[in-house]
Amino acid sequence: MARDLNDLKKQIFFEMLDLAGRVFIVVRYADTVIIGNRGFLPEEKEKGLVLVFNRMMQFDWNESGIHATLGFGPKNEKCYVPPDEIIAVFSPELAAQFVTSSEHKEIPEMPHKTAPEEKKPSRPVLKAVPGKKVVKVDFSKKK
């Protein structure tokens, strides 16, 4: 089942990349994930790390995972992400996301307000779900 789920993550990743030109992934902290010499910052170890890929980048996603050189500020880092550690694939341009849970429990829904006077952020907002290794993304647009 894990292999099928990882294949689905890969398929969704490349579909979003083809449609939107860029795609974001959320990677959970694990010893098997390599983010060059930079590694994970303390907050990223808890909430995950968001990585951005676009069509122009040189990267390879094979059976073992994603191999890429990614920029973090002025520095490039060689990275490796096993598909098991990818917990979300999303695209703000498509207003679409695919989220998985390593604990195989139902992901709780975030409460949604429907009041017309509610102001929503114009950019995606990442929210950590307390006690979970899941990041929720709000793709709603400001009205």
C-alpha atoms as a PDB file:
ATOM      1  CA  MET A   1       0.000   0.000   0.000  1.00  0.00           C
ATOM      2  CA  ALA A   2       2.845   2.433   0.782  1.00  0.00           C
ATOM      3  CA  ARG A   3       4.262   1.971  -2.716  1.00  0.00           C
ATOM      4  CA  ASP A   4       0.865   2.706  -4.292  1.00  0.00           C
ATOM      5  CA  LEU A   5       0.518   5.830  -2.149  1.00  0.00           C
ATOM      6  CA  ASN A   6       4.017   6.980  -3.128  1.00  0.00           C
ATOM      7  CA  ASP A   7       3.186   6.404  -6.797  1.00  0.00           C
ATOM      8  CA  LEU A   8       0.065   8.529  -6.325  1.00  0.00           C
ATOM      9  CA  LYS A   9       2.113  11.325  -4.721  1.00  0.00           C
ATOM     10  CA  LYS A  10       4.473  11.259  -7.702  1.00  0.00           C
ATOM     11  CA  GLN A  11       1.623  11.279 -10.219  1.00  0.00           C
ATOM     12  CA  ILE A  12      -0.110  14.210  -8.506  1.00  0.00           C
ATOM     13  CA  PHE A  13       3.203  16.084  -8.224  1.00  0.00           C
ATOM     14  CA  PHE A  14       3.891  15.835 -11.963  1.00  0.00           C
ATOM     15  CA  GLU A  15       0.280  16.572 -12.953  1.00  0.00           C
ATOM     16  CA  MET A  16       0.333  19.773 -10.879  1.00  0.00           C
ATOM     17  CA  LEU A  17       3.770  20.664 -12.251  1.00  0.00           C
ATOM     18  CA  ASP A  18       2.515  20.243 -15.836  1.00  0.00           C
ATOM     19  CA  LEU A  19      -0.625  22.292 -15.190  1.00  0.00           C
ATOM     20  CA  ALA A  20       0.754  25.107 -13.037  1.00  0.00           C
ATOM     21  CA  GLY A  21       4.490  25.198 -13.729  1.00  0.00           C
ATOM     22  CA  ARG A  22       5.399  24.842 -10.067  1.00  0.00           C
ATOM     23  CA  VAL A  23       4.459  22.621  -7.179  1.00  0.00           C
ATOM     24  CA  PHE A  24       5.117  22.648  -3.435  1.00  0.00           C
ATOM     25  CA  ILE A  25       5.743  19.649  -1.207  1.00  0.00           C
ATOM     26  CA  VAL A  26       5.739  19.427   2.568  1.00  0.00           C
ATOM     27  CA  VAL A  27       8.419  17.099   3.903  1.00  0.00           C
ATOM     28  CA  ARG A  28       8.348  15.743   7.431  1.00  0.00           C
ATOM     29  CA  TYR A  29      11.564  15.514   9.429  1.00  0.00           C
ATOM     30  CA  ALA A  30      13.271  12.120   9.286  1.00  0.00           C
ATOM     31  CA  ASP A  31      16.837  10.835   9.379  1.00  0.00           C
ATOM     32  CA  THR A  32      16.410   9.600   5.802  1.00  0.00           C
ATOM     33  CA  VAL A  33      15.723  13.115   4.439  1.00  0.00           C
ATOM     34  CA  ILE A  34      18.849  14.999   3.350  1.00  0.00           C
ATOM     35  CA  ILE A  35      18.759  18.781   3.061  1.00  0.00           C
ATOM     36  CA  GLY A  36      22.473  19.308   2.354  1.00  0.00           C
ATOM     37  CA  ASN A  37      24.529  20.779   5.172  1.00  0.00           C
ATOM     38  CA  ARG A  38      21.595  22.993   6.150  1.00  0.00           C
ATOM     39  CA  GLY A  39      19.379  20.223   7.507  1.00  0.00           C
ATOM     40  CA  PHE A  40      16.077  20.997   9.193  1.00  0.00           C
ATOM     41  CA  LEU A  41      15.627  24.039  11.419  1.00  0.00           C
ATOM     42  CA  PRO A  42      14.057  23.347  14.850  1.00  0.00           C
ATOM     43  CA  GLU A  43      10.607  24.611  13.749  1.00  0.00           C
ATOM     44  CA  GLU A  44      10.805  22.532  10.546  1.00  0.00           C
ATOM     45  CA  LYS A  45      11.523  19.408  12.592  1.00  0.00           C
ATOM     46  CA  GLU A  46       8.136  19.906  14.240  1.00  0.00           C
ATOM     47  CA  LYS A  47       6.023  21.282  11.386  1.00  0.00           C
ATOM     48  CA  GLY A  48       7.756  20.059   8.253  1.00  0.00           C
ATOM     49  CA  LEU A  49       9.698  21.799   5.509  1.00  0.00           C
ATOM     50  CA  VAL A  50       8.064  23.275   2.387  1.00  0.00           C
ATOM     51  CA  LEU A  51      10.066  22.782  -0.810  1.00  0.00           C
ATOM     52  CA  VAL A  52       9.226  24.382  -4.165  1.00  0.00           C
ATOM     53  CA  PHE A  53       9.838  22.787  -7.563  1.00  0.00           C
ATOM     54  CA  ASN A  54       9.289  24.290 -11.005  1.00  0.00           C
ATOM     55  CA  ARG A  55       9.572  23.131 -14.606  1.00  0.00           C
ATOM     56  CA  MET A  56      12.961  24.761 -15.136  1.00  0.00           C
ATOM     57  CA  MET A  57      14.666  22.930 -12.273  1.00  0.00           C
ATOM     58  CA  GLN A  58      16.887  19.926 -12.779  1.00  0.00           C
ATOM     59  CA  PHE A  59      15.715  17.167 -10.445  1.00  0.00           C
ATOM     60  CA  ASP A  60      15.064  13.442 -10.596  1.00  0.00           C
ATOM     61  CA  TRP A  61      12.254  11.493  -8.954  1.00  0.00           C
ATOM     62  CA  ASN A  62      13.043   7.785  -9.162  1.00  0.00           C
ATOM     63  CA  GLU A  63      11.935   4.784  -7.060  1.00  0.00           C
ATOM     64  CA  SER A  64      14.033   5.889  -4.091  1.00  0.00           C
ATOM     65  CA  GLY A  65      12.752   9.475  -4.045  1.00  0.00           C
ATOM     66  CA  ILE A  66      13.519  13.002  -5.204  1.00  0.00           C
ATOM     67  CA  HIS A  67      17.135  14.007  -5.845  1.00  0.00           C
ATOM     68  CA  ALA A  68      17.645  17.748  -6.398  1.00  0.00           C
ATOM     69  CA  THR A  69      19.892  20.704  -5.733  1.00  0.00           C
ATOM     70  CA  LEU A  70      17.713  23.348  -4.089  1.00  0.00           C
ATOM     71  CA  GLY A  71      18.427  26.955  -3.194  1.00  0.00           C
ATOM     72  CA  PHE A  72      18.101  28.150   0.388  1.00  0.00           C
ATOM     73  CA  GLY A  73      18.855  31.861   0.315  1.00  0.00           C
ATOM     74  CA  PRO A  74      22.210  32.343  -1.409  1.00  0.00           C
ATOM     75  CA  LYS A  75      23.294  28.734  -0.871  1.00  0.00           C
ATOM     76  CA  ASN A  76      22.490  25.619  -2.917  1.00  0.00           C
ATOM     77  CA  GLU A  77      22.091  22.333  -1.084  1.00  0.00           C
ATOM     78  CA  LYS A  78      22.015  18.774  -2.425  1.00  0.00           C
ATOM     79  CA  CYS A  79      18.764  17.243  -1.263  1.00  0.00           C
ATOM     80  CA  TYR A  80      17.183  13.833  -1.138  1.00  0.00           C
ATOM     81  CA  VAL A  81      13.561  13.249  -0.126  1.00  0.00           C
ATOM     82  CA  PRO A  82      12.153   9.706   0.136  1.00  0.00           C
ATOM     83  CA  PRO A  83       8.501   9.658  -0.960  1.00  0.00           C
ATOM     84  CA  ASP A  84       7.429   8.199   2.411  1.00  0.00           C
ATOM     85  CA  GLU A  85       8.410  11.519   4.026  1.00  0.00           C
ATOM     86  CA  ILE A  86       6.298  13.687   1.693  1.00  0.00           C
ATOM     87  CA  ILE A  87       3.155  14.535   3.623  1.00  0.00           C
ATOM     88  CA  ALA A  88       1.586  17.019   1.195  1.00  0.00           C
ATOM     89  CA  VAL A  89       1.732  18.076  -2.443  1.00  0.00           C
ATOM     90  CA  PHE A  90       0.019  21.354  -3.307  1.00  0.00           C
ATOM     91  CA  SER A  91      -0.356  24.121  -5.868  1.00  0.00           C
ATOM     92  CA  PRO A  92      -1.626  27.593  -4.951  1.00  0.00           C
ATOM     93  CA  GLU A  93      -2.237  28.337  -8.634  1.00  0.00           C
ATOM     94  CA  LEU A  94      -4.576  25.354  -8.946  1.00  0.00           C
ATOM     95  CA  ALA A  95      -6.041  25.773  -5.456  1.00  0.00           C
ATOM     96  CA  ALA A  96      -5.397  22.054  -5.017  1.00  0.00           C
ATOM     97  CA  GLN A  97      -3.699  19.904  -2.426  1.00  0.00           C
ATOM     98  CA  PHE A  98      -3.045  16.265  -1.636  1.00  0.00           C
ATOM     99  CA  VAL A  99      -2.307  15.483   2.011  1.00  0.00           C
ATOM    100  CA  THR A 100      -1.360  12.169   3.609  1.00  0.00           C
ATOM    101  CA  SER A 101      -0.999  11.055   7.199  1.00  0.00           C
ATOM    102  CA  SER A 102       1.705   8.682   8.373  1.00  0.00           C
ATOM    103  CA  GLU A 103      -0.464   7.608  11.256  1.00  0.00           C
ATOM    104  CA  HIS A 104      -3.247   6.443   8.884  1.00  0.00           C
ATOM    105  CA  LYS A 105      -5.804   8.292  10.956  1.00  0.00           C
ATOM    106  CA  GLU A 106      -8.449  10.584   9.625  1.00  0.00           C
ATOM    107  CA  ILE A 107      -7.161  14.134   9.261  1.00  0.00           C
ATOM    108  CA  PRO A 108      -9.406  16.485  11.248  1.00  0.00           C
ATOM    109  CA  GLU A 109     -11.178  19.160   9.244  1.00  0.00           C
ATOM    110  CA  MET A 110     -10.279  22.752   9.939  1.00  0.00           C
ATOM    111  CA  PRO A 111     -13.349  24.832  10.862  1.00  0.00           C
ATOM    112  CA  HIS A 112     -14.537  27.095   8.039  1.00  0.00           C
ATOM    113  CA  LYS A 113     -16.341  30.362   8.598  1.00  0.00           C
ATOM    114  CA  THR A 114     -18.908  31.395   6.040  1.00  0.00           C
ATOM    115  CA  ALA A 115     -19.666  34.907   7.239  1.00  0.00           C
ATOM    116  CA  PRO A 116     -19.539  37.354   4.313  1.00  0.00           C
ATOM    117  CA  GLU A 117     -17.538  39.922   6.296  1.00  0.00           C
ATOM    118  CA  GLU A 118     -14.720  37.441   6.896  1.00  0.00           C
ATOM    119  CA  LYS A 119     -11.404  38.571   5.460  1.00  0.00           C
ATOM    120  CA  LYS A 120      -9.317  35.778   4.014  1.00  0.00           C
ATOM    121  CA  PRO A 121      -5.585  35.905   3.280  1.00  0.00           C
ATOM    122  CA  SER A 122      -4.524  36.483  -0.327  1.00  0.00           C
ATOM    123  CA  ARG A 123      -1.689  33.965  -0.052  1.00  0.00           C
ATOM    124  CA  PRO A 124      -1.724  30.357   1.118  1.00  0.00           C
ATOM    125  CA  VAL A 125      -1.538  30.027   4.872  1.00  0.00           C
ATOM    126  CA  LEU A 126       0.177  26.978   6.372  1.00  0.00           C
ATOM    127  CA  LYS A 127      -1.269  25.842   9.670  1.00  0.00           C
ATOM    128  CA  ALA A 128       0.088  23.056  11.832  1.00  0.00           C
ATOM    129  CA  VAL A 129      -2.479  20.700  13.299  1.00  0.00           C
ATOM    130  CA  PRO A 130      -1.646  20.338  17.016  1.00  0.00           C
ATOM    131  CA  GLY A 131      -0.360  16.891  17.904  1.00  0.00           C
ATOM    132  CA  LYS A 132      -0.105  15.845  14.256  1.00  0.00           C
ATOM    133  CA  LYS A 133       2.658  15.829  11.686  1.00  0.00           C
ATOM    134  CA  VAL A 134       0.327  17.484   9.191  1.00  0.00           C
ATOM    135  CA  VAL A 135       0.268  20.982   7.772  1.00  0.00           C
ATOM    136  CA  LYS A 136      -3.062  22.360   6.503  1.00  0.00           C
ATOM    137  CA  VAL A 137      -2.942  24.883   3.672  1.00  0.00           C
ATOM    138  CA  ASP A 138      -5.642  27.537   3.204  1.00  0.00           C
ATOM    139  CA  PHE A 139      -5.864  28.417  -0.507  1.00  0.00           C
ATOM    140  CA  SER A 140      -8.833  30.739  -0.181  1.00  0.00           C
ATOM    141  CA  LYS A 141      -8.555  34.111  -1.897  1.00  0.00           C
ATOM    142  CA  LYS A 142      -9.238  37.525  -0.463  1.00  0.00           C
ATOM    143  CA  LYS A 143     -12.589  38.949  -1.576  1.00  0.00           C
END
